[in-house]
Amino acid sequence: MRWLQVGGVCTLCFCASLVQASNLHHFAAQLSLAESARQPLPRVSQLDSELDREHAYKIQDLFVREILRRDSIAGFKAGLTSQQSRERFKTGESVSGVLFTTGRRTGRSVIMRSSFHSPLVETEIALIVSRPIRQPIASVAELRRYIRTAAPVIELADVGFVGDGLPSALDLVAANVGSDSFIVGFPRSVNRLDLDSVTSVLRRDGAIVSEGSASDVEGGPWESALWLVNQLVSRDIDIHTGQLLLTGALGTVLPAEPGRYVAEFGSLGKLSFDFR
């Protein structure tokens, strides 16, 4: 699987065995139809008991390709970046998804609850790519050569699936890890920041609803970004200048309730939005 940037438009080339391709295309089409109709997403793990992580990412790639007919890539996200979250979803590895340009919001946005099924709000740190990445990165020290700035982010993910209970990790992967909206703050030089010591406080209508720190992301933001970059490159996905790398949730991931949200990230700054 490979995304190609051609004249500013992202396209996707797909290679899979003919035996698997028809089912994978069918599952991706079901996700795409549900997403377009703003309906709960199917749980692909319940459609085929033989589905594994590789298949789930191929479905995600096909699902993303459909969205790219009308959108473009703003970056990528790492999910399930703590041991606790992975245990909850019964998986041993973090997961990755694609961020789209139409999901990017500015500070002081008004975001409507009606556009979501099961919205979650979380505070995150984004690294911003300053040079294209097309090859594996050996270490955080090497990754730093590709990153000049970082920014605070509030992500509003949407994990609305058919049925009750938690989706599986495979369902999350196939459905692009709930990627929806994200608010990006002012970027600051990573040379002036100790990202591993960043803390976050999220308030709704003045009351603290979540507190977190960069240590909530296993290994810290840099290690999470290193995993994300290498996971993408292993799937032949190029990472372009200006794209975001969301490194995982700081503090508790909460169901988004109506109210006025303010997130403080210490040295990284502050973000706010209204959720109605």
Protein backbone atom coordinates (compact mmCIF):
# COMPACT_ATOMS: atom_id res chain seq x y z
CA MET A 1 0.00 0.00 0.00
CA ARG A 2 1.36 3.40 -0.89
CA TRP A 3 0.05 6.94 -0.98
CA LEU A 4 1.52 9.09 -3.73
CA GLN A 5 1.54 12.90 -3.79
CA VAL A 6 0.85 14.05 -7.34
CA GLY A 7 0.29 17.74 -8.02
CA GLY A 8 -0.93 18.26 -4.45
CA VAL A 9 -3.50 15.47 -4.71
CA CYS A 10 -3.09 12.25 -2.78
CA THR A 11 -3.87 9.01 -4.54
CA LEU A 12 -3.44 5.45 -3.41
CA CYS A 13 -1.97 2.38 -5.05
CA PHE A 14 -3.21 -0.94 -3.66
CA CYS A 15 -1.59 -4.33 -3.89
CA ALA A 16 -3.11 -7.40 -2.23
CA SER A 17 -3.71 -10.98 -3.08
CA LEU A 18 -6.75 -11.62 -5.26
CA VAL A 19 -8.05 -14.07 -2.67
CA GLN A 20 -8.28 -11.38 0.03
CA ALA A 21 -9.02 -8.35 -2.11
CA SER A 22 -12.75 -8.81 -2.68
CA ASN A 23 -13.59 -9.13 1.01
CA LEU A 24 -11.29 -6.25 1.98
CA HIS A 25 -12.85 -4.01 -0.67
CA HIS A 26 -16.32 -5.03 0.52
CA PHE A 27 -15.55 -4.21 4.16
CA ALA A 28 -13.97 -0.87 3.20
CA ALA A 29 -17.02 -0.03 1.07
CA GLN A 30 -19.30 -0.71 4.04
CA LEU A 31 -17.22 1.62 6.21
CA SER A 32 -17.25 4.28 3.51
CA LEU A 33 -21.02 4.08 3.06
CA ALA A 34 -21.61 4.34 6.79
CA GLU A 35 -19.20 7.26 7.12
CA SER A 36 -20.76 9.15 4.21
CA ALA A 37 -24.27 8.62 5.60
CA ARG A 38 -23.12 9.55 9.13
CA GLN A 39 -24.27 6.14 10.35
CA PRO A 40 -22.62 3.93 13.00
CA LEU A 41 -19.67 2.02 11.57
CA PRO A 42 -19.72 -1.77 11.06
CA ARG A 43 -17.44 -3.93 13.17
CA VAL A 44 -15.39 -5.67 10.52
CA SER A 45 -14.02 -8.15 13.08
CA GLN A 46 -17.55 -9.59 13.32
CA LEU A 47 -17.81 -9.90 9.55
CA ASP A 48 -14.79 -12.18 9.21
CA SER A 49 -13.26 -14.15 12.07
CA GLU A 50 -10.03 -14.59 10.08
CA LEU A 51 -9.34 -10.85 10.04
CA ASP A 52 -5.93 -9.94 11.45
CA ARG A 53 -4.01 -6.69 11.95
CA GLU A 54 -2.52 -6.71 8.45
CA HIS A 55 -5.97 -7.12 6.92
CA ALA A 56 -7.35 -4.35 9.16
CA TYR A 57 -4.71 -1.91 7.92
CA LYS A 58 -5.44 -2.86 4.31
CA ILE A 59 -9.10 -2.10 4.95
CA GLN A 60 -8.09 1.21 6.52
CA ASP A 61 -5.99 2.05 3.47
CA LEU A 62 -8.93 1.38 1.15
CA PHE A 63 -11.28 3.35 3.41
CA VAL A 64 -8.80 6.26 3.43
CA ARG A 65 -8.52 6.12 -0.35
CA GLU A 66 -12.25 6.78 -0.65
CA ILE A 67 -12.05 9.77 1.70
CA LEU A 68 -9.10 11.15 -0.30
CA ARG A 69 -11.38 11.53 -3.31
CA ARG A 70 -12.69 14.65 -1.54
CA ASP A 71 -10.03 15.42 1.04
CA SER A 72 -6.28 15.48 1.68
CA ILE A 73 -3.94 14.25 4.41
CA ALA A 74 -3.08 16.62 7.26
CA GLY A 75 -1.06 14.09 9.22
CA PHE A 76 -1.23 10.87 11.19
CA LYS A 77 -2.20 9.77 14.68
CA ALA A 78 -1.01 7.16 17.14
CA GLY A 79 -3.63 5.57 19.37
CA LEU A 80 -3.62 3.13 22.29
CA THR A 81 -0.27 4.57 23.31
CA SER A 82 -0.44 3.48 26.95
CA GLN A 83 -0.26 -0.02 28.36
CA GLN A 84 -3.58 0.54 30.11
CA SER A 85 -5.39 1.44 26.89
CA ARG A 86 -3.87 -1.51 25.03
CA GLU A 87 -4.93 -3.89 27.79
CA ARG A 88 -8.43 -2.46 27.61
CA PHE A 89 -8.61 -3.24 23.89
CA LYS A 90 -6.73 -6.54 24.28
CA THR A 91 -3.88 -5.70 21.94
CA GLY A 92 -0.12 -5.61 22.38
CA GLU A 93 0.64 -2.73 20.01
CA SER A 94 -0.38 0.87 19.46
CA VAL A 95 -2.49 1.68 16.40
CA SER A 96 -2.27 4.37 13.74
CA GLY A 97 -4.70 6.38 11.63
CA VAL A 98 -4.84 9.23 9.14
CA LEU A 99 -5.81 12.85 9.87
CA PHE A 100 -7.66 14.74 7.15
CA THR A 101 -7.45 18.41 6.26
CA THR A 102 -11.19 18.98 6.69
CA GLY A 103 -10.92 17.80 10.29
CA ARG A 104 -8.55 20.60 11.24
CA ARG A 105 -10.15 23.35 13.33
CA THR A 106 -8.87 26.61 14.71
CA GLY A 107 -8.86 27.66 18.34
CA ARG A 108 -12.13 28.98 19.77
CA SER A 109 -14.03 26.78 17.34
CA VAL A 110 -17.69 25.95 17.85
CA ILE A 111 -18.12 22.22 17.20
CA MET A 112 -21.56 20.67 16.99
CA ARG A 113 -22.42 17.43 18.81
CA SER A 114 -24.82 16.53 16.00
CA SER A 115 -21.94 15.76 13.63
CA PHE A 116 -20.68 12.89 15.83
CA HIS A 117 -21.92 9.49 16.98
CA SER A 118 -19.76 8.80 20.03
CA PRO A 119 -17.34 11.74 20.39
CA LEU A 120 -14.30 11.55 22.62
CA VAL A 121 -12.14 14.49 23.68
CA GLU A 122 -8.45 14.20 24.48
CA THR A 123 -5.39 16.41 24.85
CA GLU A 124 -2.32 15.53 22.79
CA ILE A 125 1.07 16.74 21.61
CA ALA A 126 1.74 16.97 17.87
CA LEU A 127 5.14 16.97 16.26
CA ILE A 128 5.25 18.82 12.94
CA VAL A 129 7.32 17.32 10.14
CA SER A 130 9.87 19.72 8.62
CA ARG A 131 11.40 17.35 6.03
CA PRO A 132 9.85 14.45 4.08
CA ILE A 133 10.29 11.04 5.71
CA ARG A 134 10.45 8.05 3.37
CA GLN A 135 12.86 5.71 5.15
CA PRO A 136 12.91 4.05 8.58
CA ILE A 137 14.25 6.21 11.41
CA ALA A 138 16.73 4.51 13.72
CA SER A 139 16.41 6.63 16.86
CA VAL A 140 14.81 9.66 18.47
CA ALA A 141 18.05 11.55 17.87
CA GLU A 142 17.67 10.90 14.14
CA LEU A 143 13.97 11.75 14.20
CA ARG A 144 14.78 15.16 15.67
CA ARG A 145 16.43 16.08 12.37
CA TYR A 146 13.00 15.91 10.75
CA ILE A 147 11.09 17.84 13.43
CA ARG A 148 11.49 21.53 14.22
CA THR A 149 8.26 22.37 15.99
CA ALA A 150 5.58 20.90 18.22
CA ALA A 151 2.06 22.09 19.03
CA PRO A 152 -0.71 21.37 21.52
CA VAL A 153 -3.75 19.58 20.13
CA ILE A 154 -7.26 18.81 21.27
CA GLU A 155 -8.55 15.83 19.35
CA LEU A 156 -12.23 15.00 18.99
CA ALA A 157 -12.36 11.41 17.84
CA ASP A 158 -15.55 9.59 16.85
CA VAL A 159 -15.85 5.92 17.75
CA GLY A 160 -19.46 5.28 16.84
CA PHE A 161 -19.82 1.59 15.97
CA VAL A 162 -22.82 -0.63 15.47
CA GLY A 163 -23.79 -2.52 18.63
CA ASP A 164 -22.91 -2.16 22.29
CA GLY A 165 -19.59 -2.44 24.06
CA LEU A 166 -16.07 -1.64 23.03
CA PRO A 167 -14.98 -2.22 19.44
CA SER A 168 -11.95 -4.44 19.01
CA ALA A 169 -8.52 -3.05 18.18
CA LEU A 170 -9.00 -4.46 14.67
CA ASP A 171 -12.25 -2.54 14.31
CA LEU A 172 -10.48 0.65 15.39
CA VAL A 173 -7.69 0.12 12.87
CA ALA A 174 -10.01 -0.64 9.97
CA ALA A 175 -12.15 2.43 10.75
CA ASN A 176 -9.11 4.74 10.85
CA VAL A 177 -8.92 4.92 14.66
CA GLY A 178 -11.90 7.27 14.96
CA SER A 179 -10.16 10.12 13.16
CA ASP A 180 -12.43 13.16 12.92
CA SER A 181 -11.71 16.67 14.25
CA PHE A 182 -8.63 18.21 15.83
CA ILE A 183 -7.71 21.68 17.02
CA VAL A 184 -4.05 22.64 16.62
CA GLY A 185 -2.39 25.34 18.69
CA PHE A 186 0.55 27.61 17.97
CA PRO A 187 3.73 25.67 17.04
CA ARG A 188 6.84 26.15 19.13
CA SER A 189 10.46 25.14 18.56
CA VAL A 190 11.26 21.71 19.99
CA ASN A 191 14.73 23.03 20.84
CA ARG A 192 13.12 25.21 23.49
CA LEU A 193 10.83 22.55 24.90
CA ASP A 194 11.16 19.48 27.05
CA LEU A 195 8.24 17.59 25.59
CA ASP A 196 8.61 14.75 28.07
CA SER A 197 7.78 17.14 30.93
CA VAL A 198 4.66 18.74 29.37
CA THR A 199 1.48 18.49 31.43
CA SER A 200 -2.12 19.17 30.46
CA VAL A 201 -5.22 20.33 32.32
CA LEU A 202 -8.59 20.14 30.55
CA ARG A 203 -11.54 22.11 31.92
CA ARG A 204 -15.19 22.03 30.90
CA ASP A 205 -17.20 25.05 32.01
CA GLY A 206 -14.44 25.86 34.48
CA ALA A 207 -14.28 22.45 36.17
CA ILE A 208 -11.27 20.18 35.71
CA VAL A 209 -12.30 17.03 33.83
CA SER A 210 -8.87 15.61 32.97
CA GLU A 211 -5.27 16.09 33.98
CA GLY A 212 -2.38 14.44 32.20
CA SER A 213 1.28 14.47 31.38
CA ALA A 214 3.54 13.41 28.55
CA SER A 215 4.49 10.37 30.64
CA ASP A 216 0.96 9.02 30.06
CA VAL A 217 2.21 8.16 26.57
CA GLU A 218 4.42 5.11 26.96
CA GLY A 219 8.00 6.16 26.28
CA GLY A 220 6.95 9.80 25.88
CA PRO A 221 5.97 11.81 22.77
CA TRP A 222 9.24 11.33 20.93
CA GLU A 223 9.22 7.55 21.26
CA SER A 224 5.57 7.46 20.24
CA ALA A 225 6.33 9.56 17.15
CA LEU A 226 9.26 7.28 16.32
CA TRP A 227 6.97 4.24 16.45
CA LEU A 228 4.35 6.03 14.33
CA VAL A 229 6.83 7.11 11.65
CA ASN A 230 8.36 3.66 11.32
CA GLN A 231 4.97 1.96 11.30
CA LEU A 232 3.85 4.22 8.44
CA VAL A 233 7.08 3.78 6.50
CA SER A 234 6.80 0.00 6.89
CA ARG A 235 3.50 0.29 5.04
CA ASP A 236 5.16 2.34 2.25
CA ILE A 237 3.44 5.55 3.33
CA ASP A 238 5.48 8.70 2.77
CA ILE A 239 5.26 11.49 5.35
CA HIS A 240 5.38 15.01 3.95
CA THR A 241 6.60 18.37 5.19
CA GLY A 242 4.02 20.14 7.35
CA GLN A 243 2.11 17.02 8.31
CA LEU A 244 1.27 16.38 11.95
CA LEU A 245 2.24 13.40 14.07
CA LEU A 246 -0.21 13.06 16.97
CA THR A 247 1.57 11.15 19.70
CA GLY A 248 -1.22 9.95 22.01
CA ALA A 249 -3.52 11.05 24.82
CA LEU A 250 -2.34 12.94 27.89
CA GLY A 251 -4.67 12.09 30.73
CA THR A 252 -8.10 10.54 30.49
CA VAL A 253 -9.93 10.16 27.17
CA LEU A 254 -13.43 11.43 27.92
CA PRO A 255 -16.83 11.29 26.26
CA ALA A 256 -17.35 14.80 24.88
CA GLU A 257 -20.20 16.57 26.66
CA PRO A 258 -21.61 19.99 25.73
CA GLY A 259 -19.75 22.91 27.26
CA ARG A 260 -16.89 25.35 27.00
CA TYR A 261 -13.53 23.54 26.97
CA VAL A 262 -10.16 25.05 27.82
CA ALA A 263 -6.96 22.99 27.69
CA GLU A 264 -3.73 24.27 29.22
CA PHE A 265 -0.45 22.67 28.16
CA GLY A 266 2.05 24.64 30.22
CA SER A 267 4.97 25.70 28.02
CA LEU A 268 3.07 24.57 24.90
CA GLY A 269 0.24 27.06 25.43
CA LYS A 270 -3.55 26.93 25.65
CA LEU A 271 -6.50 25.88 23.44
CA SER A 272 -10.25 26.33 23.76
CA PHE A 273 -13.46 25.42 21.96
CA ASP A 274 -17.21 25.23 22.46
CA PHE A 275 -18.99 21.91 22.09
CA ARG A 276 -22.73 22.30 21.57
